[in-house]
C-alpha atoms as a PDB file:
ATOM      1  CA  MET A   1      80.759 -36.053  80.750  1.00  0.00           C
ATOM      2  CA  ALA A   2      77.495 -36.576  79.090  1.00  0.00           C
ATOM      3  CA  LYS A   3      76.506 -40.262  79.677  1.00  0.00           C
ATOM      4  CA  GLY A   4      76.149 -41.024  76.329  1.00  0.00           C
ATOM      5  CA  VAL A   5      76.508 -39.220  72.854  1.00  0.00           C
ATOM      6  CA  PHE A   6      74.818 -40.335  69.390  1.00  0.00           C
ATOM      7  CA  ASP A   7      76.992 -39.442  66.601  1.00  0.00           C
ATOM      8  CA  TRP A   8      74.028 -39.075  64.094  1.00  0.00           C
ATOM      9  CA  LEU A   9      76.108 -36.282  62.366  1.00  0.00           C
ATOM     10  CA  ARG A  10      77.482 -37.399  58.967  1.00  0.00           C
ATOM     11  CA  ARG A  11      81.259 -37.478  58.847  1.00  0.00           C
ATOM     12  CA  ALA A  12      83.783 -38.219  56.075  1.00  0.00           C
ATOM     13  CA  ASP A  13      85.977 -41.053  56.075  1.00  0.00           C
ATOM     14  CA  THR A  14      89.121 -39.158  57.956  1.00  0.00           C
ATOM     15  CA  LYS A  15      90.484 -42.522  58.947  1.00  0.00           C
ATOM     16  CA  ALA A  16      91.205 -43.165  55.066  1.00  0.00           C
ATOM     17  CA  LYS A  17      92.532 -39.616  54.521  1.00  0.00           C
ATOM     18  CA  GLN A  18      94.470 -38.627  57.853  1.00  0.00           C
ATOM     19  CA  THR A  19      94.623 -41.194  60.829  1.00  0.00           C
ATOM     20  CA  PRO A  20      95.312 -44.851  60.975  1.00  0.00           C
ATOM     21  CA  ALA A  21      92.828 -47.420  61.691  1.00  0.00           C
ATOM     22  CA  PRO A  22      91.938 -48.053  65.196  1.00  0.00           C
ATOM     23  CA  ARG A  23      94.843 -49.255  67.014  1.00  0.00           C
ATOM     24  CA  THR A  24      92.762 -51.741  69.526  1.00  0.00           C
ATOM     25  CA  VAL A  25      89.298 -53.135  69.011  1.00  0.00           C
ATOM     26  CA  SER A  26      88.242 -55.089  71.966  1.00  0.00           C
ATOM     27  CA  ARG A  27      84.648 -57.137  72.153  1.00  0.00           C
ATOM     28  CA  ARG A  28      82.811 -57.839  75.416  1.00  0.00           C
ATOM     29  CA  SER A  29      79.587 -57.900  76.690  1.00  0.00           C
ATOM     30  CA  ILE A  30      77.521 -55.839  79.232  1.00  0.00           C
ATOM     31  CA  ALA A  31      73.998 -56.510  80.908  1.00  0.00           C
ATOM     32  CA  VAL A  32      71.426 -54.613  80.216  1.00  0.00           C
ATOM     33  CA  GLU A  33      68.043 -55.387  81.232  1.00  0.00           C
ATOM     34  CA  GLY A  34      68.532 -58.886  81.871  1.00  0.00           C
ATOM     35  CA  ARG A  35      70.595 -59.541  78.236  1.00  0.00           C
ATOM     36  CA  GLU A  36      74.072 -59.506  77.428  1.00  0.00           C
ATOM     37  CA  LEU A  37      74.505 -56.719  74.875  1.00  0.00           C
ATOM     38  CA  PRO A  38      78.025 -56.706  72.690  1.00  0.00           C
ATOM     39  CA  LEU A  39      80.279 -54.207  73.833  1.00  0.00           C
ATOM     40  CA  VAL A  40      82.870 -53.214  70.975  1.00  0.00           C
ATOM     41  CA  ILE A  41      85.728 -50.937  72.151  1.00  0.00           C
ATOM     42  CA  ARG A  42      88.042 -49.186  69.896  1.00  0.00           C
ATOM     43  CA  LYS A  43      90.751 -46.907  70.591  1.00  0.00           C
ATOM     44  CA  LEU A  44      91.519 -44.164  68.246  1.00  0.00           C
ATOM     45  CA  SER A  45      94.388 -42.265  67.961  1.00  0.00           C
ATOM     46  CA  HIS A  46      92.239 -39.238  66.920  1.00  0.00           C
ATOM     47  CA  ALA A  47      89.992 -39.688  70.433  1.00  0.00           C
ATOM     48  CA  ARG A  48      90.231 -36.889  72.793  1.00  0.00           C
ATOM     49  CA  ARG A  49      87.378 -38.172  75.181  1.00  0.00           C
ATOM     50  CA  MET A  50      85.200 -41.488  75.831  1.00  0.00           C
ATOM     51  CA  THR A  51      82.114 -41.777  74.039  1.00  0.00           C
ATOM     52  CA  LEU A  52      79.277 -44.248  74.427  1.00  0.00           C
ATOM     53  CA  ARG A  53      76.918 -45.180  71.474  1.00  0.00           C
ATOM     54  CA  LEU A  54      74.366 -47.650  70.733  1.00  0.00           C
ATOM     55  CA  ALA A  55      74.056 -49.103  67.001  1.00  0.00           C
ATOM     56  CA  PRO A  56      71.308 -47.886  65.285  1.00  0.00           C
ATOM     57  CA  ASP A  57      69.900 -51.296  65.305  1.00  0.00           C
ATOM     58  CA  GLY A  58      70.591 -51.838  68.713  1.00  0.00           C
ATOM     59  CA  SER A  59      72.768 -54.807  68.074  1.00  0.00           C
ATOM     60  CA  GLU A  60      75.625 -53.594  70.246  1.00  0.00           C
ATOM     61  CA  ALA A  61      77.125 -50.608  72.405  1.00  0.00           C
ATOM     62  CA  ARG A  62      80.301 -48.817  70.973  1.00  0.00           C
ATOM     63  CA  ILE A  63      82.795 -46.989  73.483  1.00  0.00           C
ATOM     64  CA  SER A  64      85.239 -44.955  71.203  1.00  0.00           C
ATOM     65  CA  ILE A  65      88.324 -44.091  73.556  1.00  0.00           C
ATOM     66  CA  PRO A  66      91.745 -42.118  72.928  1.00  0.00           C
ATOM     67  CA  ALA A  67      94.833 -44.309  72.220  1.00  0.00           C
ATOM     68  CA  TRP A  68      95.978 -44.075  76.047  1.00  0.00           C
ATOM     69  CA  GLY A  69      92.688 -44.745  77.108  1.00  0.00           C
ATOM     70  CA  ARG A  70      92.452 -48.135  79.235  1.00  0.00           C
ATOM     71  CA  ILE A  71      89.971 -50.747  78.199  1.00  0.00           C
ATOM     72  CA  GLY A  72      88.893 -51.748  81.727  1.00  0.00           C
ATOM     73  CA  ASP A  73      87.610 -48.099  82.165  1.00  0.00           C
ATOM     74  CA  ALA A  74      85.917 -48.232  79.170  1.00  0.00           C
ATOM     75  CA  GLU A  75      83.802 -51.111  79.968  1.00  0.00           C
ATOM     76  CA  ALA A  76      83.290 -49.711  83.731  1.00  0.00           C
ATOM     77  CA  PHE A  77      82.522 -46.556  81.965  1.00  0.00           C
ATOM     78  CA  ALA A  78      79.770 -48.548  79.901  1.00  0.00           C
ATOM     79  CA  ARG A  79      78.432 -50.646  83.027  1.00  0.00           C
ATOM     80  CA  ASP A  80      77.650 -47.388  84.693  1.00  0.00           C
ATOM     81  CA  ARG A  81      75.673 -46.498  82.242  1.00  0.00           C
ATOM     82  CA  ALA A  82      73.830 -49.702  81.640  1.00  0.00           C
ATOM     83  CA  ASP A  83      70.506 -47.706  82.666  1.00  0.00           C
ATOM     84  CA  TRP A  84      71.325 -45.405  80.053  1.00  0.00           C
ATOM     85  CA  LEU A  85      71.459 -47.740  77.407  1.00  0.00           C
ATOM     86  CA  ALA A  86      68.170 -49.871  78.505  1.00  0.00           C
ATOM     87  CA  GLY A  87      66.339 -46.783  77.836  1.00  0.00           C
ATOM     88  CA  GLN A  88      67.870 -46.090  74.255  1.00  0.00           C
ATOM     89  CA  LEU A  89      67.083 -49.739  73.140  1.00  0.00           C
ATOM     90  CA  ALA A  90      63.688 -48.925  75.099  1.00  0.00           C
ATOM     91  CA  ARG A  91      63.456 -46.301  72.623  1.00  0.00           C
ATOM     92  CA  LEU A  92      64.221 -48.121  69.398  1.00  0.00           C
ATOM     93  CA  PRO A  93      61.465 -48.174  66.688  1.00  0.00           C
ATOM     94  CA  ALA A  94      59.808 -51.723  66.417  1.00  0.00           C
ATOM     95  CA  THR A  95      60.855 -53.956  63.587  1.00  0.00           C
ATOM     96  CA  GLN A  96      58.370 -53.547  60.688  1.00  0.00           C
ATOM     97  CA  SER A  97      57.712 -56.524  58.171  1.00  0.00           C
ATOM     98  CA  ILE A  98      57.720 -56.004  54.701  1.00  0.00           C
ATOM     99  CA  ALA A  99      54.532 -57.338  53.493  1.00  0.00           C
ATOM    100  CA  PRO A 100      51.572 -56.619  51.369  1.00  0.00           C
ATOM    101  CA  ASP A 101      49.436 -53.378  52.733  1.00  0.00           C
ATOM    102  CA  ALA A 102      52.251 -52.631  55.234  1.00  0.00           C
ATOM    103  CA  SER A 103      53.882 -49.095  54.761  1.00  0.00           C
ATOM    104  CA  LEU A 104      56.970 -48.306  53.057  1.00  0.00           C
ATOM    105  CA  PRO A 105      58.998 -44.741  53.342  1.00  0.00           C
ATOM    106  CA  LEU A 106      60.218 -43.334  49.883  1.00  0.00           C
ATOM    107  CA  ARG A 107      61.845 -39.674  49.920  1.00  0.00           C
ATOM    108  CA  GLY A 108      59.859 -39.156  53.200  1.00  0.00           C
ATOM    109  CA  GLU A 109      56.412 -40.355  51.822  1.00  0.00           C
ATOM    110  CA  ALA A 110      54.957 -43.209  53.195  1.00  0.00           C
ATOM    111  CA  LEU A 111      53.739 -45.531  50.585  1.00  0.00           C
ATOM    112  CA  GLN A 112      51.396 -48.767  50.738  1.00  0.00           C
ATOM    113  CA  ILE A 113      52.537 -51.884  49.603  1.00  0.00           C
ATOM    114  CA  ASP A 114      49.982 -52.796  46.806  1.00  0.00           C
ATOM    115  CA  TRP A 115      51.123 -56.448  46.080  1.00  0.00           C
ATOM    116  CA  SER A 116      49.671 -58.854  43.485  1.00  0.00           C
ATOM    117  CA  GLU A 117      51.403 -61.648  41.886  1.00  0.00           C
ATOM    118  CA  SER A 118      50.260 -60.818  38.759  1.00  0.00           C
ATOM    119  CA  ALA A 119      51.282 -57.213  38.438  1.00  0.00           C
ATOM    120  CA  ARG A 120      54.760 -56.093  37.341  1.00  0.00           C
ATOM    121  CA  ARG A 121      57.890 -57.037  39.626  1.00  0.00           C
ATOM    122  CA  LYS A 122      59.476 -53.493  39.026  1.00  0.00           C
ATOM    123  CA  PRO A 123      57.469 -51.406  41.425  1.00  0.00           C
ATOM    124  CA  VAL A 124      55.314 -48.188  40.336  1.00  0.00           C
ATOM    125  CA  VAL A 125      54.532 -45.359  42.697  1.00  0.00           C
ATOM    126  CA  ALA A 126      50.795 -44.545  42.171  1.00  0.00           C
ATOM    127  CA  ASN A 127      48.447 -42.363  44.171  1.00  0.00           C
ATOM    128  CA  GLY A 128      50.101 -43.171  47.637  1.00  0.00           C
ATOM    129  CA  ARG A 129      50.710 -46.741  46.806  1.00  0.00           C
ATOM    130  CA  LEU A 130      53.569 -49.053  45.916  1.00  0.00           C
ATOM    131  CA  ILE A 131      52.595 -51.413  43.242  1.00  0.00           C
ATOM    132  CA  VAL A 132      54.541 -54.563  42.910  1.00  0.00           C
ATOM    133  CA  GLY A 133      54.114 -58.078  41.439  1.00  0.00           C
ATOM    134  CA  GLY A 134      55.842 -61.581  41.283  1.00  0.00           C
ATOM    135  CA  PRO A 135      55.940 -64.122  43.798  1.00  0.00           C
ATOM    136  CA  ILE A 136      55.854 -63.208  47.564  1.00  0.00           C
ATOM    137  CA  GLU A 137      58.944 -64.953  48.524  1.00  0.00           C
ATOM    138  CA  GLY A 138      61.788 -62.335  47.550  1.00  0.00           C
ATOM    139  CA  LEU A 139      59.327 -59.504  48.237  1.00  0.00           C
ATOM    140  CA  THR A 140      61.734 -57.873  50.612  1.00  0.00           C
ATOM    141  CA  THR A 141      64.779 -58.600  48.575  1.00  0.00           C
ATOM    142  CA  ARG A 142      62.990 -57.029  45.343  1.00  0.00           C
ATOM    143  CA  LEU A 143      61.981 -53.937  47.098  1.00  0.00           C
ATOM    144  CA  GLN A 144      65.062 -53.400  48.866  1.00  0.00           C
ATOM    145  CA  ARG A 145      66.913 -53.631  45.590  1.00  0.00           C
ATOM    146  CA  TRP A 146      64.681 -51.322  43.763  1.00  0.00           C
ATOM    147  CA  LEU A 147      65.176 -49.027  46.655  1.00  0.00           C
ATOM    148  CA  GLU A 148      68.638 -49.014  46.375  1.00  0.00           C
ATOM    149  CA  ALA A 149      68.616 -48.090  42.958  1.00  0.00           C
ATOM    150  CA  GLU A 150      66.282 -45.374  43.357  1.00  0.00           C
ATOM    151  CA  ALA A 151      68.850 -44.217  46.050  1.00  0.00           C
ATOM    152  CA  LEU A 152      71.950 -44.658  43.673  1.00  0.00           C
ATOM    153  CA  SER A 153      69.843 -42.516  40.781  1.00  0.00           C
ATOM    154  CA  SER A 154      68.699 -39.505  43.415  1.00  0.00           C
ATOM    155  CA  CYS A 155      72.379 -39.442  45.080  1.00  0.00           C
ATOM    156  CA  ALA A 156      73.960 -39.485  41.634  1.00  0.00           C
ATOM    157  CA  GLU A 157      71.928 -36.190  40.312  1.00  0.00           C
ATOM    158  CA  ASP A 158      72.741 -34.744  43.672  1.00  0.00           C
ATOM    159  CA  LEU A 159      76.249 -35.285  43.646  1.00  0.00           C
ATOM    160  CA  ALA A 160      76.523 -33.847  39.902  1.00  0.00           C
ATOM    161  CA  HIS A 161      74.586 -30.715  41.430  1.00  0.00           C
ATOM    162  CA  TYR A 162      76.737 -29.823  44.540  1.00  0.00           C
ATOM    163  CA  CYS A 163      79.881 -30.792  42.693  1.00  0.00           C
ATOM    164  CA  SER A 164      78.758 -28.121  39.911  1.00  0.00           C
ATOM    165  CA  ARG A 165      78.277 -25.599  42.959  1.00  0.00           C
ATOM    166  CA  ALA A 166      81.972 -26.786  44.145  1.00  0.00           C
ATOM    167  CA  GLY A 167      83.633 -26.529  41.011  1.00  0.00           C
ATOM    168  CA  GLU A 168      84.736 -30.186  41.430  1.00  0.00           C
ATOM    169  CA  THR A 169      84.762 -32.970  39.144  1.00  0.00           C
ATOM    170  CA  VAL A 170      82.066 -35.483  39.967  1.00  0.00           C
ATOM    171  CA  PRO A 171      83.675 -38.538  41.749  1.00  0.00           C
ATOM    172  CA  ARG A 172      83.031 -42.114  41.673  1.00  0.00           C
ATOM    173  CA  LEU A 173      79.773 -42.542  43.705  1.00  0.00           C
ATOM    174  CA  SER A 174      78.707 -45.972  45.225  1.00  0.00           C
ATOM    175  CA  LEU A 175      75.790 -46.867  47.905  1.00  0.00           C
ATOM    176  CA  SER A 176      76.860 -48.229  51.479  1.00  0.00           C
ATOM    177  CA  ARG A 177      75.023 -50.197  54.131  1.00  0.00           C
ATOM    178  CA  ALA A 178      76.734 -49.085  56.968  1.00  0.00           C
ATOM    179  CA  GLN A 179      75.245 -49.278  60.302  1.00  0.00           C
ATOM    180  CA  ARG A 180      76.751 -45.915  61.801  1.00  0.00           C
ATOM    181  CA  ARG A 181      77.535 -43.361  58.642  1.00  0.00           C
ATOM    182  CA  TRP A 182      75.209 -41.785  56.438  1.00  0.00           C
ATOM    183  CA  GLY A 183      78.145 -41.035  54.389  1.00  0.00           C
ATOM    184  CA  SER A 184      81.617 -40.938  53.582  1.00  0.00           C
ATOM    185  CA  CYS A 185      84.143 -39.379  51.404  1.00  0.00           C
ATOM    186  CA  ALA A 186      87.356 -41.185  51.132  1.00  0.00           C
ATOM    187  CA  ALA A 187      90.924 -40.503  50.299  1.00  0.00           C
ATOM    188  CA  ASP A 188      90.908 -40.724  46.388  1.00  0.00           C
ATOM    189  CA  GLY A 189      87.480 -38.239  46.670  1.00  0.00           C
ATOM    190  CA  SER A 190      85.354 -41.267  46.101  1.00  0.00           C
ATOM    191  CA  ILE A 191      82.030 -40.816  47.694  1.00  0.00           C
ATOM    192  CA  ARG A 192      79.616 -43.544  49.308  1.00  0.00           C
ATOM    193  CA  MET A 193      76.388 -42.909  50.485  1.00  0.00           C
ATOM    194  CA  ASN A 194      73.842 -44.889  52.863  1.00  0.00           C
ATOM    195  CA  TRP A 195      71.473 -46.196  50.822  1.00  0.00           C
ATOM    196  CA  ARG A 196      68.646 -45.808  53.474  1.00  0.00           C
ATOM    197  CA  LEU A 197      68.885 -41.958  52.896  1.00  0.00           C
ATOM    198  CA  ILE A 198      66.049 -42.649  49.859  1.00  0.00           C
ATOM    199  CA  MET A 199      63.398 -43.340  52.634  1.00  0.00           C
ATOM    200  CA  ALA A 200      64.104 -40.064  54.369  1.00  0.00           C
ATOM    201  CA  PRO A 201      62.923 -36.561  52.893  1.00  0.00           C
ATOM    202  CA  ASP A 202      64.774 -35.010  50.103  1.00  0.00           C
ATOM    203  CA  PHE A 203      66.334 -32.147  52.255  1.00  0.00           C
ATOM    204  CA  VAL A 204      67.979 -34.728  54.429  1.00  0.00           C
ATOM    205  CA  ARG A 205      69.415 -36.816  51.882  1.00  0.00           C
ATOM    206  CA  ARG A 206      70.664 -33.917  50.093  1.00  0.00           C
ATOM    207  CA  SER A 207      72.367 -32.522  52.855  1.00  0.00           C
ATOM    208  CA  VAL A 208      74.113 -35.429  53.423  1.00  0.00           C
ATOM    209  CA  VAL A 209      75.575 -35.490  49.654  1.00  0.00           C
ATOM    210  CA  ALA A 210      76.292 -31.714  50.117  1.00  0.00           C
ATOM    211  CA  HIS A 211      78.061 -32.689  53.504  1.00  0.00           C
ATOM    212  CA  GLU A 212      80.565 -35.158  51.716  1.00  0.00           C
ATOM    213  CA  VAL A 213      81.058 -32.523  48.602  1.00  0.00           C
ATOM    214  CA  ALA A 214      82.120 -30.278  51.066  1.00  0.00           C
ATOM    215  CA  HIS A 215      84.714 -32.826  52.480  1.00  0.00           C
ATOM    216  CA  MET A 216      86.421 -32.929  48.768  1.00  0.00           C
ATOM    217  CA  ARG A 217      88.026 -29.894  49.835  1.00  0.00           C
ATOM    218  CA  HIS A 218      88.107 -29.873  53.669  1.00  0.00           C
ATOM    219  CA  PHE A 219      89.343 -32.969  55.164  1.00  0.00           C
ATOM    220  CA  ASP A 220      87.859 -32.029  58.579  1.00  0.00           C
ATOM    221  CA  HIS A 221      85.123 -30.214  60.172  1.00  0.00           C
ATOM    222  CA  SER A 222      86.816 -27.294  60.889  1.00  0.00           C
ATOM    223  CA  PRO A 223      85.229 -23.659  60.537  1.00  0.00           C
ATOM    224  CA  ALA A 224      86.271 -23.624  57.047  1.00  0.00           C
ATOM    225  CA  PHE A 225      84.524 -26.961  56.056  1.00  0.00           C
ATOM    226  CA  HIS A 226      81.448 -25.692  57.806  1.00  0.00           C
ATOM    227  CA  ALA A 227      81.334 -22.556  55.754  1.00  0.00           C
ATOM    228  CA  HIS A 228      82.028 -24.330  52.473  1.00  0.00           C
ATOM    229  CA  LEU A 229      79.266 -26.317  53.127  1.00  0.00           C
ATOM    230  CA  GLU A 230      76.733 -23.345  54.319  1.00  0.00           C
ATOM    231  CA  THR A 231      77.546 -21.955  50.665  1.00  0.00           C
ATOM    232  CA  LEU A 232      76.754 -25.574  49.301  1.00  0.00           C
ATOM    233  CA  TYR A 233      73.529 -26.835  50.841  1.00  0.00           C
ATOM    234  CA  GLU A 234      70.544 -24.694  49.814  1.00  0.00           C
ATOM    235  CA  GLY A 235      68.667 -25.640  53.120  1.00  0.00           C
ATOM    236  CA  ASP A 236      69.233 -25.085  56.896  1.00  0.00           C
ATOM    237  CA  ILE A 237      71.587 -27.643  57.549  1.00  0.00           C
ATOM    238  CA  ASP A 238      70.651 -27.952  61.496  1.00  0.00           C
ATOM    239  CA  VAL A 239      67.210 -28.788  60.157  1.00  0.00           C
ATOM    240  CA  ALA A 240      68.438 -31.872  58.146  1.00  0.00           C
ATOM    241  CA  ASN A 241      70.949 -32.638  61.160  1.00  0.00           C
ATOM    242  CA  ARG A 242      68.096 -32.997  63.609  1.00  0.00           C
ATOM    243  CA  TRP A 243      65.900 -34.878  61.580  1.00  0.00           C
ATOM    244  CA  LEU A 244      67.926 -37.490  61.365  1.00  0.00           C
ATOM    245  CA  LYS A 245      68.948 -37.285  64.986  1.00  0.00           C
ATOM    246  CA  ARG A 246      65.523 -37.863  65.583  1.00  0.00           C
ATOM    247  CA  HIS A 247      64.243 -40.084  62.969  1.00  0.00           C
ATOM    248  CA  GLY A 248      67.532 -41.614  61.578  1.00  0.00           C
ATOM    249  CA  ARG A 249      66.830 -44.885  63.349  1.00  0.00           C
ATOM    250  CA  SER A 250      63.616 -45.534  62.087  1.00  0.00           C
ATOM    251  CA  LEU A 251      65.154 -46.208  58.747  1.00  0.00           C
ATOM    252  CA  TYR A 252      66.478 -49.262  60.405  1.00  0.00           C
ATOM    253  CA  ALA A 253      63.091 -50.436  61.059  1.00  0.00           C
ATOM    254  CA  LEU A 254      62.722 -51.989  57.998  1.00  0.00           C
ATOM    255  CA  PHE A 255      64.985 -54.292  55.922  1.00  0.00           C
ATOM    256  CA  GLY A 256      67.047 -55.654  58.669  1.00  0.00           C
END
């Protein structure tokens, strides 16, 4: 078994569609590089093996095990891989601050924050800069809300596009602040998208939207699902997946 599996591939909300909630959730902690790292162990009815992941922000380790698995075995599994977890923690991107002259990604482009108290509060993008005004206090909150609004607008356009290609009625769309999923499709067909995707390149965000639209017809990751996704998404889905695996964590370096 691999020492750890990072599930950066987006997934539909299969728990809402066809499986029950986790049967058991156990919260422990393990020693990693001199610190106590929270450990969350979940028993899942659909799990077939034990998988270990680190939360995108490094706040906790997570293990999923089959319903018949033992909590003690999961804890031992994590302890045996403390060195692996330490290595993953070391690779986390450094936390960045939102401040004048700092860099903020938007749709894959790094923008320099150009703040002046006398400028308009609503950010404006111009020549590689993000011009924004208002009191310095609350700058982070204002920029996050602006990014969320940009995310909702872009995802709505993407959703309408892929629903048209799929012959589906456009469902309700909302944003997510999830720490693990990039997107989800609920039992009623509504779709939630992680707002942080607005900081990634367009082809990455669009691939996630296409993925969730494909789940409106196929509630699994069967060959039929992947074949349907390939007919919807114009780009290379493997390239988009690799970008998220390689750079997805960097989207959590800002805004906590």
